[in-house]
């Protein structure tokens, strides 16, 4: 049997290398690019939330945010008691260009059972989350998620490919799912 973890590691290395090339070509670090993607996916997000999401320290995130703000890609907004980061129009344009590195990765999925693969990946992430290996905001471990891919927050059944890997409305379960 092949080593699945080694296969994932190989894919991750290729993804990181492609992201780094794309980011560098746009005058960004890999972390700055990851921050733009995270802010886009999650919406208004605090420094602490970004640090947790990206697995780096708050001072590291703060330095990267200052650079992104000086480039006009992000802005700080006060929402109630929270100070959150949001994309500027320029930031959205840069992110759109930056994400072109994903095109070959998506093309590599052609001919695969995407629903089956995606569901298995979500289960794998869920297992890693329960063991404390990864922090995730996926539907399968959210308090709003129910049998048959039902989302109580949205009040609808979701197709497999509509399930989220990084949901801005995520609320963790207090007890593990059955």
N, C-alpha and C. Protein backbone atom coordinates (compact mmCIF):
# COMPACT_ATOMS: atom_id res chain seq x y z
N UNK A 1 0.85 -1.18 0.00
CA UNK A 1 0.00 0.00 0.00
C UNK A 1 0.89 1.24 0.00
N UNK A 2 0.51 2.23 -0.80
CA UNK A 2 1.27 3.47 -0.86
C UNK A 2 1.12 4.30 0.40
N UNK A 3 2.04 5.21 0.59
CA UNK A 3 2.01 6.08 1.76
C UNK A 3 1.19 7.32 1.45
N UNK A 4 -0.02 7.36 1.98
CA UNK A 4 -0.96 8.45 1.71
C UNK A 4 -0.42 9.77 2.24
N UNK A 5 0.16 9.74 3.45
CA UNK A 5 0.69 10.98 4.03
C UNK A 5 1.81 11.53 3.15
N UNK A 6 2.66 10.66 2.63
CA UNK A 6 3.74 11.10 1.74
C UNK A 6 3.16 11.71 0.45
N UNK A 7 2.09 11.13 -0.05
CA UNK A 7 1.44 11.69 -1.24
C UNK A 7 0.89 13.09 -0.95
N UNK A 8 0.24 13.25 0.22
CA UNK A 8 -0.25 14.58 0.61
C UNK A 8 0.91 15.56 0.74
N UNK A 9 1.99 15.09 1.34
CA UNK A 9 3.16 15.96 1.53
C UNK A 9 3.70 16.43 0.18
N UNK A 10 3.74 15.56 -0.79
CA UNK A 10 4.23 15.92 -2.13
C UNK A 10 3.33 16.98 -2.76
N UNK A 11 2.02 16.79 -2.65
CA UNK A 11 1.07 17.78 -3.18
C UNK A 11 1.23 19.11 -2.46
N UNK A 12 1.37 19.07 -1.14
CA UNK A 12 1.52 20.31 -0.36
C UNK A 12 2.79 21.05 -0.76
N UNK A 13 3.89 20.34 -0.95
CA UNK A 13 5.14 20.99 -1.37
C UNK A 13 4.96 21.67 -2.72
N UNK A 14 4.29 21.00 -3.63
CA UNK A 14 4.06 21.59 -4.96
C UNK A 14 3.17 22.82 -4.86
N UNK A 15 2.13 22.75 -4.04
CA UNK A 15 1.23 23.90 -3.84
C UNK A 15 1.99 25.08 -3.23
N UNK A 16 2.80 24.80 -2.18
CA UNK A 16 3.56 25.87 -1.55
C UNK A 16 4.53 26.53 -2.53
N UNK A 17 5.18 25.71 -3.35
CA UNK A 17 6.13 26.25 -4.33
C UNK A 17 5.40 27.12 -5.36
N UNK A 18 4.25 26.68 -5.82
CA UNK A 18 3.48 27.46 -6.80
C UNK A 18 2.99 28.76 -6.18
N UNK A 19 2.50 28.69 -4.94
CA UNK A 19 2.04 29.90 -4.24
C UNK A 19 3.20 30.87 -4.04
N UNK A 20 4.35 30.35 -3.65
CA UNK A 20 5.52 31.21 -3.43
C UNK A 20 5.93 31.91 -4.72
N UNK A 21 5.96 31.17 -5.82
CA UNK A 21 6.30 31.78 -7.12
C UNK A 21 5.31 32.88 -7.48
N UNK A 22 4.02 32.60 -7.31
CA UNK A 22 2.99 33.59 -7.65
C UNK A 22 3.11 34.81 -6.74
N UNK A 23 3.28 34.58 -5.44
CA UNK A 23 3.38 35.68 -4.48
C UNK A 23 4.61 36.54 -4.78
N UNK A 24 5.74 35.91 -4.98
CA UNK A 24 6.99 36.63 -5.25
C UNK A 24 6.87 37.47 -6.51
N UNK A 25 6.21 36.94 -7.52
CA UNK A 25 6.06 37.69 -8.77
C UNK A 25 5.21 38.95 -8.58
N UNK A 26 4.45 39.00 -7.49
CA UNK A 26 3.59 40.15 -7.22
C UNK A 26 4.13 41.00 -6.06
N UNK A 27 5.36 40.71 -5.63
CA UNK A 27 5.97 41.48 -4.56
C UNK A 27 5.44 41.16 -3.18
N UNK A 28 4.95 39.94 -3.01
CA UNK A 28 4.40 39.50 -1.72
C UNK A 28 5.18 38.32 -1.19
N UNK A 29 5.15 38.14 0.12
CA UNK A 29 5.69 36.92 0.71
C UNK A 29 4.59 35.85 0.67
N UNK A 30 4.99 34.61 0.91
CA UNK A 30 4.00 33.53 0.96
C UNK A 30 2.99 33.80 2.07
N UNK A 31 3.45 34.29 3.21
CA UNK A 31 2.55 34.60 4.32
C UNK A 31 1.58 35.71 3.95
N UNK A 32 2.07 36.75 3.29
CA UNK A 32 1.18 37.85 2.88
C UNK A 32 0.10 37.33 1.93
N UNK A 33 0.48 36.45 1.01
CA UNK A 33 -0.50 35.87 0.09
C UNK A 33 -1.52 35.03 0.86
N UNK A 34 -1.04 34.25 1.82
CA UNK A 34 -1.95 33.41 2.63
C UNK A 34 -2.91 34.28 3.44
N UNK A 35 -2.42 35.41 3.92
CA UNK A 35 -3.29 36.33 4.68
C UNK A 35 -4.37 36.89 3.78
N UNK A 36 -4.02 37.31 2.56
CA UNK A 36 -5.03 37.82 1.63
C UNK A 36 -6.11 36.77 1.38
N UNK A 37 -5.70 35.52 1.17
CA UNK A 37 -6.67 34.45 0.94
C UNK A 37 -7.55 34.23 2.17
N UNK A 38 -6.94 34.21 3.35
CA UNK A 38 -7.71 33.97 4.58
C UNK A 38 -8.71 35.09 4.83
N UNK A 39 -8.29 36.33 4.63
CA UNK A 39 -9.21 37.46 4.84
C UNK A 39 -10.36 37.39 3.85
N UNK A 40 -10.06 36.98 2.63
CA UNK A 40 -11.10 36.85 1.61
C UNK A 40 -12.09 35.75 1.97
N UNK A 41 -11.60 34.62 2.44
CA UNK A 41 -12.46 33.48 2.76
C UNK A 41 -13.31 33.72 4.00
N UNK A 42 -12.70 34.26 5.04
CA UNK A 42 -13.36 34.36 6.33
C UNK A 42 -14.07 35.69 6.49
N UNK A 43 -13.63 36.71 5.80
CA UNK A 43 -14.20 38.04 5.98
C UNK A 43 -13.41 38.79 7.02
N UNK A 44 -14.02 39.78 7.65
CA UNK A 44 -13.33 40.56 8.67
C UNK A 44 -12.75 39.66 9.74
N UNK A 45 -11.45 39.70 9.91
CA UNK A 45 -10.76 38.77 10.80
C UNK A 45 -9.73 39.54 11.63
N UNK A 46 -9.58 39.14 12.89
CA UNK A 46 -8.63 39.80 13.78
C UNK A 46 -7.22 39.23 13.60
N UNK A 47 -6.24 39.92 14.16
CA UNK A 47 -4.86 39.45 14.12
C UNK A 47 -4.76 38.08 14.78
N UNK A 48 -5.38 37.93 15.95
CA UNK A 48 -5.34 36.65 16.66
C UNK A 48 -5.97 35.51 15.87
N UNK A 49 -7.09 35.80 15.23
CA UNK A 49 -7.75 34.76 14.42
C UNK A 49 -6.88 34.37 13.24
N UNK A 50 -6.24 35.35 12.60
CA UNK A 50 -5.34 35.04 11.49
C UNK A 50 -4.16 34.20 11.96
N UNK A 51 -3.57 34.57 13.09
CA UNK A 51 -2.42 33.83 13.61
C UNK A 51 -2.81 32.37 13.87
N UNK A 52 -3.96 32.17 14.48
CA UNK A 52 -4.44 30.82 14.77
C UNK A 52 -4.72 30.06 13.48
N UNK A 53 -5.38 30.71 12.55
CA UNK A 53 -5.75 30.08 11.28
C UNK A 53 -4.53 29.67 10.47
N UNK A 54 -3.49 30.51 10.49
CA UNK A 54 -2.30 30.26 9.66
C UNK A 54 -1.17 29.55 10.41
N UNK A 55 -1.35 29.37 11.71
CA UNK A 55 -0.34 28.65 12.48
C UNK A 55 0.96 29.41 12.68
N UNK A 56 0.86 30.73 12.83
CA UNK A 56 2.04 31.56 13.09
C UNK A 56 1.75 32.47 14.27
N UNK A 57 2.78 33.15 14.77
CA UNK A 57 2.60 34.01 15.93
C UNK A 57 1.88 35.31 15.56
N UNK A 58 1.27 35.93 16.56
CA UNK A 58 0.60 37.22 16.33
C UNK A 58 1.57 38.30 15.88
N UNK A 59 2.79 38.40 16.47
CA UNK A 59 3.73 39.41 15.97
C UNK A 59 4.10 39.21 14.50
N UNK A 60 4.22 37.95 14.07
CA UNK A 60 4.53 37.66 12.67
C UNK A 60 3.39 38.14 11.77
N UNK A 61 2.16 37.86 12.18
CA UNK A 61 0.99 38.31 11.42
C UNK A 61 0.93 39.83 11.41
N UNK A 62 1.17 40.46 12.55
CA UNK A 62 1.12 41.92 12.63
C UNK A 62 2.10 42.57 11.65
N UNK A 63 3.32 42.02 11.57
CA UNK A 63 4.31 42.56 10.63
C UNK A 63 3.83 42.42 9.19
N UNK A 64 3.28 41.26 8.85
CA UNK A 64 2.79 41.03 7.49
C UNK A 64 1.60 41.95 7.18
N UNK A 65 0.73 42.15 8.17
CA UNK A 65 -0.43 43.03 7.97
C UNK A 65 0.00 44.47 7.71
N UNK A 66 1.01 44.94 8.45
CA UNK A 66 1.52 46.29 8.24
C UNK A 66 2.01 46.46 6.81
N UNK A 67 2.72 45.45 6.30
CA UNK A 67 3.22 45.50 4.93
C UNK A 67 2.07 45.51 3.93
N UNK A 68 1.05 44.68 4.18
CA UNK A 68 -0.10 44.64 3.27
C UNK A 68 -0.90 45.95 3.32
N UNK A 69 -1.01 46.53 4.48
CA UNK A 69 -1.69 47.83 4.60
C UNK A 69 -0.91 48.92 3.85
N UNK A 70 0.42 48.89 3.98
CA UNK A 70 1.23 49.92 3.30
C UNK A 70 1.17 49.77 1.78
N UNK A 71 0.89 48.57 1.32
CA UNK A 71 0.74 48.32 -0.13
C UNK A 71 -0.68 48.63 -0.60
N UNK A 72 -1.56 48.98 0.34
CA UNK A 72 -2.93 49.32 -0.01
C UNK A 72 -3.81 48.12 -0.29
N UNK A 73 -3.43 46.94 0.21
CA UNK A 73 -4.18 45.71 -0.08
C UNK A 73 -5.18 45.35 1.03
N UNK A 74 -4.91 45.81 2.24
CA UNK A 74 -5.78 45.56 3.38
C UNK A 74 -6.02 46.86 4.12
N UNK A 75 -7.13 46.87 4.87
CA UNK A 75 -7.37 48.01 5.77
C UNK A 75 -7.93 47.47 7.08
N UNK A 76 -7.66 48.22 8.11
CA UNK A 76 -8.20 47.89 9.44
C UNK A 76 -9.53 48.58 9.61
N UNK A 77 -10.48 47.85 10.18
CA UNK A 77 -11.79 48.44 10.47
C UNK A 77 -12.17 48.07 11.89
N UNK A 78 -12.81 48.97 12.54
CA UNK A 78 -13.31 48.74 13.89
C UNK A 78 -14.77 48.30 13.77
N UNK A 79 -15.08 47.12 14.27
CA UNK A 79 -16.46 46.62 14.28
C UNK A 79 -16.78 46.29 15.73
N UNK A 80 -17.54 47.18 16.36
CA UNK A 80 -17.79 47.02 17.79
C UNK A 80 -16.48 47.14 18.54
N UNK A 81 -16.16 46.12 19.31
CA UNK A 81 -14.91 46.10 20.08
C UNK A 81 -13.77 45.46 19.32
N UNK A 82 -14.06 44.91 18.18
CA UNK A 82 -13.04 44.18 17.41
C UNK A 82 -12.41 45.06 16.34
N UNK A 83 -11.12 44.88 16.14
CA UNK A 83 -10.43 45.49 15.01
C UNK A 83 -10.14 44.36 14.03
N UNK A 84 -10.71 44.46 12.85
CA UNK A 84 -10.60 43.39 11.86
C UNK A 84 -9.91 43.91 10.60
N UNK A 85 -9.39 42.95 9.84
CA UNK A 85 -8.75 43.25 8.57
C UNK A 85 -9.74 42.94 7.45
N UNK A 86 -9.82 43.81 6.46
CA UNK A 86 -10.65 43.57 5.29
C UNK A 86 -9.84 43.92 4.04
N UNK A 87 -10.22 43.29 2.94
CA UNK A 87 -9.54 43.57 1.66
C UNK A 87 -10.00 44.91 1.11
N UNK A 88 -9.07 45.61 0.49
CA UNK A 88 -9.42 46.81 -0.27
C UNK A 88 -9.76 46.35 -1.69
N UNK A 89 -10.24 47.26 -2.52
CA UNK A 89 -10.49 46.91 -3.93
C UNK A 89 -9.20 46.44 -4.59
N UNK A 90 -8.11 47.14 -4.32
CA UNK A 90 -6.81 46.74 -4.87
C UNK A 90 -6.42 45.35 -4.36
N UNK A 91 -6.70 45.08 -3.09
CA UNK A 91 -6.41 43.77 -2.51
C UNK A 91 -7.19 42.66 -3.20
N UNK A 92 -8.46 42.92 -3.52
CA UNK A 92 -9.27 41.92 -4.23
C UNK A 92 -8.71 41.66 -5.63
N UNK A 93 -8.26 42.71 -6.32
CA UNK A 93 -7.67 42.55 -7.66
C UNK A 93 -6.38 41.73 -7.58
N UNK A 94 -5.53 42.06 -6.63
CA UNK A 94 -4.27 41.33 -6.47
C UNK A 94 -4.55 39.87 -6.13
N UNK A 95 -5.50 39.63 -5.25
CA UNK A 95 -5.84 38.26 -4.87
C UNK A 95 -6.36 37.47 -6.08
N UNK A 96 -7.20 38.08 -6.88
CA UNK A 96 -7.72 37.40 -8.07
C UNK A 96 -6.56 36.97 -8.99
N UNK A 97 -5.61 37.86 -9.17
CA UNK A 97 -4.44 37.55 -10.01
C UNK A 97 -3.58 36.48 -9.34
N UNK A 98 -3.41 36.60 -8.06
CA UNK A 98 -2.60 35.67 -7.29
C UNK A 98 -3.14 34.25 -7.36
N UNK A 99 -4.45 34.11 -7.36
CA UNK A 99 -5.07 32.79 -7.32
C UNK A 99 -4.99 32.03 -8.64
N UNK A 100 -4.44 32.64 -9.65
CA UNK A 100 -4.29 31.94 -10.93
C UNK A 100 -3.36 30.73 -10.83
N UNK A 101 -2.51 30.70 -9.78
CA UNK A 101 -1.64 29.55 -9.61
C UNK A 101 -2.43 28.27 -9.39
N UNK A 102 -3.68 28.40 -8.96
CA UNK A 102 -4.51 27.23 -8.67
C UNK A 102 -5.08 26.55 -9.92
N UNK A 103 -5.02 27.23 -11.05
CA UNK A 103 -5.62 26.68 -12.28
C UNK A 103 -5.05 25.31 -12.63
N UNK A 104 -3.72 25.13 -12.70
CA UNK A 104 -3.21 23.79 -13.01
C UNK A 104 -3.59 22.75 -11.96
N UNK A 105 -3.68 23.17 -10.70
CA UNK A 105 -4.07 22.23 -9.64
C UNK A 105 -5.50 21.76 -9.87
N UNK A 106 -6.37 22.68 -10.26
CA UNK A 106 -7.77 22.29 -10.52
C UNK A 106 -7.87 21.42 -11.77
N UNK A 107 -7.06 21.71 -12.77
CA UNK A 107 -7.08 20.89 -13.99
C UNK A 107 -6.65 19.46 -13.69
N UNK A 108 -5.77 19.29 -12.70
CA UNK A 108 -5.33 17.95 -12.32
C UNK A 108 -6.42 17.10 -11.69
N UNK A 109 -7.52 17.72 -11.32
CA UNK A 109 -8.64 17.00 -10.72
C UNK A 109 -9.62 16.43 -11.75
N UNK A 110 -9.42 16.80 -13.01
CA UNK A 110 -10.34 16.33 -14.05
C UNK A 110 -10.37 14.82 -14.10
N UNK A 111 -11.57 14.27 -14.22
CA UNK A 111 -11.75 12.84 -14.31
C UNK A 111 -11.82 12.12 -12.97
N UNK A 112 -11.64 12.85 -11.88
CA UNK A 112 -11.71 12.23 -10.55
C UNK A 112 -13.12 12.37 -9.98
N UNK A 113 -13.44 11.52 -9.02
CA UNK A 113 -14.71 11.61 -8.30
C UNK A 113 -14.56 12.73 -7.27
N UNK A 114 -14.89 13.96 -7.67
CA UNK A 114 -14.65 15.11 -6.82
C UNK A 114 -15.47 15.08 -5.53
N UNK A 115 -16.71 14.66 -5.61
CA UNK A 115 -17.53 14.60 -4.40
C UNK A 115 -16.96 13.60 -3.41
N UNK A 116 -16.61 12.43 -3.89
CA UNK A 116 -16.03 11.41 -3.00
C UNK A 116 -14.70 11.85 -2.42
N UNK A 117 -13.84 12.40 -3.26
CA UNK A 117 -12.54 12.87 -2.82
C UNK A 117 -12.69 13.99 -1.79
N UNK A 118 -13.57 14.94 -2.07
CA UNK A 118 -13.76 16.08 -1.18
C UNK A 118 -14.30 15.62 0.18
N UNK A 119 -15.26 14.72 0.17
CA UNK A 119 -15.83 14.23 1.42
C UNK A 119 -14.78 13.51 2.25
N UNK A 120 -13.94 12.70 1.59
CA UNK A 120 -12.88 11.99 2.31
C UNK A 120 -11.85 12.98 2.87
N UNK A 121 -11.54 14.03 2.12
CA UNK A 121 -10.61 15.04 2.62
C UNK A 121 -11.20 15.77 3.83
N UNK A 122 -12.49 16.08 3.79
CA UNK A 122 -13.14 16.72 4.93
C UNK A 122 -13.11 15.80 6.15
N UNK A 123 -13.32 14.52 5.94
CA UNK A 123 -13.25 13.56 7.06
C UNK A 123 -11.84 13.50 7.63
N UNK A 124 -10.85 13.52 6.74
CA UNK A 124 -9.45 13.50 7.16
C UNK A 124 -9.12 14.75 7.99
N UNK A 125 -9.55 15.92 7.50
CA UNK A 125 -9.33 17.17 8.24
C UNK A 125 -10.03 17.10 9.59
N UNK A 126 -11.24 16.57 9.61
CA UNK A 126 -11.98 16.42 10.86
C UNK A 126 -11.23 15.55 11.86
N UNK A 127 -10.69 14.42 11.40
CA UNK A 127 -9.90 13.54 12.26
C UNK A 127 -8.67 14.27 12.80
N UNK A 128 -7.99 15.01 11.92
CA UNK A 128 -6.79 15.76 12.34
C UNK A 128 -7.16 16.85 13.35
N UNK A 129 -8.33 17.44 13.15
CA UNK A 129 -8.78 18.49 14.07
C UNK A 129 -9.06 17.89 15.45
N UNK A 130 -9.74 16.76 15.48
CA UNK A 130 -10.06 16.13 16.76
C UNK A 130 -8.81 15.72 17.53
N UNK A 131 -7.74 15.36 16.80
CA UNK A 131 -6.50 14.95 17.45
C UNK A 131 -5.66 16.15 17.87
N UNK A 132 -6.08 17.35 17.47
CA UNK A 132 -5.32 18.55 17.81
C UNK A 132 -4.20 18.87 16.84
N UNK A 133 -4.11 18.14 15.75
CA UNK A 133 -3.03 18.33 14.77
C UNK A 133 -3.25 19.57 13.92
N UNK A 134 -4.51 19.91 13.69
CA UNK A 134 -4.85 21.01 12.79
C UNK A 134 -6.01 21.79 13.39
N UNK A 135 -6.04 23.08 13.10
CA UNK A 135 -7.20 23.89 13.47
C UNK A 135 -7.99 24.12 12.19
N UNK A 136 -9.28 23.86 12.24
CA UNK A 136 -10.09 23.96 11.03
C UNK A 136 -11.47 24.52 11.36
N UNK A 137 -12.10 25.05 10.34
CA UNK A 137 -13.46 25.62 10.48
C UNK A 137 -14.36 24.95 9.44
N UNK A 138 -14.40 23.62 9.50
CA UNK A 138 -15.13 22.86 8.49
C UNK A 138 -16.52 22.49 8.96
N UNK A 139 -17.38 22.28 7.99
CA UNK A 139 -18.77 21.94 8.29
C UNK A 139 -18.90 20.71 9.19
N UNK A 140 -18.10 19.68 8.93
CA UNK A 140 -18.28 18.42 9.65
C UNK A 140 -18.10 18.54 11.16
N UNK A 141 -17.39 19.56 11.62
CA UNK A 141 -17.19 19.73 13.07
C UNK A 141 -17.87 20.99 13.59
N UNK A 142 -18.86 21.46 12.87
CA UNK A 142 -19.58 22.68 13.24
C UNK A 142 -20.89 22.33 13.94
N UNK A 143 -21.26 23.14 14.90
CA UNK A 143 -22.51 22.87 15.64
C UNK A 143 -23.74 22.99 14.75
N UNK A 144 -23.64 23.69 13.64
CA UNK A 144 -24.79 23.86 12.73
C UNK A 144 -24.96 22.69 11.76
N UNK A 145 -23.96 21.82 11.67
CA UNK A 145 -23.98 20.73 10.69
C UNK A 145 -24.76 19.54 11.23
N UNK A 146 -25.60 18.97 10.35
CA UNK A 146 -26.39 17.81 10.75
C UNK A 146 -26.41 16.74 9.69
N UNK A 147 -27.13 15.65 9.98
CA UNK A 147 -27.22 14.51 9.06
C UNK A 147 -27.69 14.96 7.68
N UNK A 148 -27.16 14.30 6.67
CA UNK A 148 -27.55 14.60 5.31
C UNK A 148 -27.00 15.93 4.82
N UNK A 149 -25.88 16.38 5.43
CA UNK A 149 -25.24 17.65 5.05
C UNK A 149 -26.18 18.84 5.24
N UNK A 150 -26.98 18.77 6.28
CA UNK A 150 -27.90 19.87 6.57
C UNK A 150 -27.21 20.93 7.41
N UNK A 151 -27.33 22.20 7.01
CA UNK A 151 -26.79 23.32 7.76
C UNK A 151 -27.94 24.06 8.43
N UNK A 152 -27.98 24.01 9.77
CA UNK A 152 -29.06 24.66 10.51
C UNK A 152 -28.95 26.19 10.43
N UNK A 153 -27.75 26.71 10.26
CA UNK A 153 -27.59 28.16 10.14
C UNK A 153 -28.21 28.66 8.84
N UNK A 154 -27.91 27.96 7.75
CA UNK A 154 -28.47 28.34 6.44
C UNK A 154 -29.86 27.79 6.22
N UNK A 155 -30.25 26.82 7.07
CA UNK A 155 -31.54 26.17 6.97
C UNK A 155 -31.73 25.49 5.61
N UNK A 156 -30.68 24.74 5.22
CA UNK A 156 -30.77 24.02 3.95
C UNK A 156 -29.80 22.86 3.90
N UNK A 157 -30.13 21.91 3.05
CA UNK A 157 -29.25 20.77 2.78
C UNK A 157 -28.21 21.24 1.78
N UNK A 158 -26.95 20.95 2.06
CA UNK A 158 -25.87 21.35 1.17
C UNK A 158 -25.41 20.18 0.31
N UNK A 159 -25.09 20.46 -0.93
CA UNK A 159 -24.42 19.47 -1.75
C UNK A 159 -23.02 19.27 -1.19
N UNK A 160 -22.42 18.13 -1.44
CA UNK A 160 -21.09 17.84 -0.90
C UNK A 160 -20.11 18.96 -1.24
N UNK A 161 -20.10 19.41 -2.48
CA UNK A 161 -19.13 20.43 -2.88
C UNK A 161 -19.46 21.83 -2.36
N UNK A 162 -20.60 21.98 -1.67
CA UNK A 162 -20.93 23.24 -1.01
C UNK A 162 -20.44 23.28 0.44
N UNK A 163 -20.03 22.12 0.97
CA UNK A 163 -19.51 22.08 2.33
C UNK A 163 -18.25 22.94 2.39
N UNK A 164 -18.06 23.63 3.50
CA UNK A 164 -16.97 24.60 3.62
C UNK A 164 -15.76 24.01 4.32
N UNK A 165 -14.60 24.45 3.87
CA UNK A 165 -13.34 24.10 4.52
C UNK A 165 -12.96 25.19 5.52
N UNK A 166 -13.43 26.41 5.26
CA UNK A 166 -13.08 27.54 6.12
C UNK A 166 -14.29 28.47 6.20
N UNK A 167 -15.22 28.13 7.06
CA UNK A 167 -16.49 28.86 7.14
C UNK A 167 -16.40 30.03 8.11
N UNK A 168 -16.79 31.21 7.67
CA UNK A 168 -16.75 32.37 8.57
C UNK A 168 -17.77 32.29 9.71
N UNK A 169 -18.80 31.46 9.57
CA UNK A 169 -19.83 31.34 10.60
C UNK A 169 -19.64 30.11 11.48
N UNK A 170 -18.49 29.47 11.36
CA UNK A 170 -18.19 28.23 12.09
C UNK A 170 -18.30 28.42 13.60
N UNK A 171 -18.98 27.46 14.22
CA UNK A 171 -19.05 27.37 15.68
C UNK A 171 -18.74 25.92 16.01
N UNK A 172 -17.71 25.67 16.84
CA UNK A 172 -17.32 24.28 17.12
C UNK A 172 -18.39 23.52 17.88
N UNK A 173 -18.41 22.23 17.62
CA UNK A 173 -19.28 21.34 18.39
C UNK A 173 -18.80 21.28 19.83
N UNK A 174 -19.71 21.11 20.74
CA UNK A 174 -19.30 20.92 22.13
C UNK A 174 -19.10 19.45 22.42
N UNK A 175 -19.74 18.59 21.61
CA UNK A 175 -19.53 17.15 21.71
C UNK A 175 -19.22 16.62 20.33
N UNK A 176 -18.39 15.57 20.23
CA UNK A 176 -18.06 15.03 18.91
C UNK A 176 -19.30 14.46 18.21
N UNK A 177 -19.31 14.53 16.86
CA UNK A 177 -20.46 13.98 16.13
C UNK A 177 -20.50 12.47 16.27
N UNK A 178 -21.69 11.87 16.08
CA UNK A 178 -21.83 10.40 16.24
C UNK A 178 -21.09 9.66 15.15
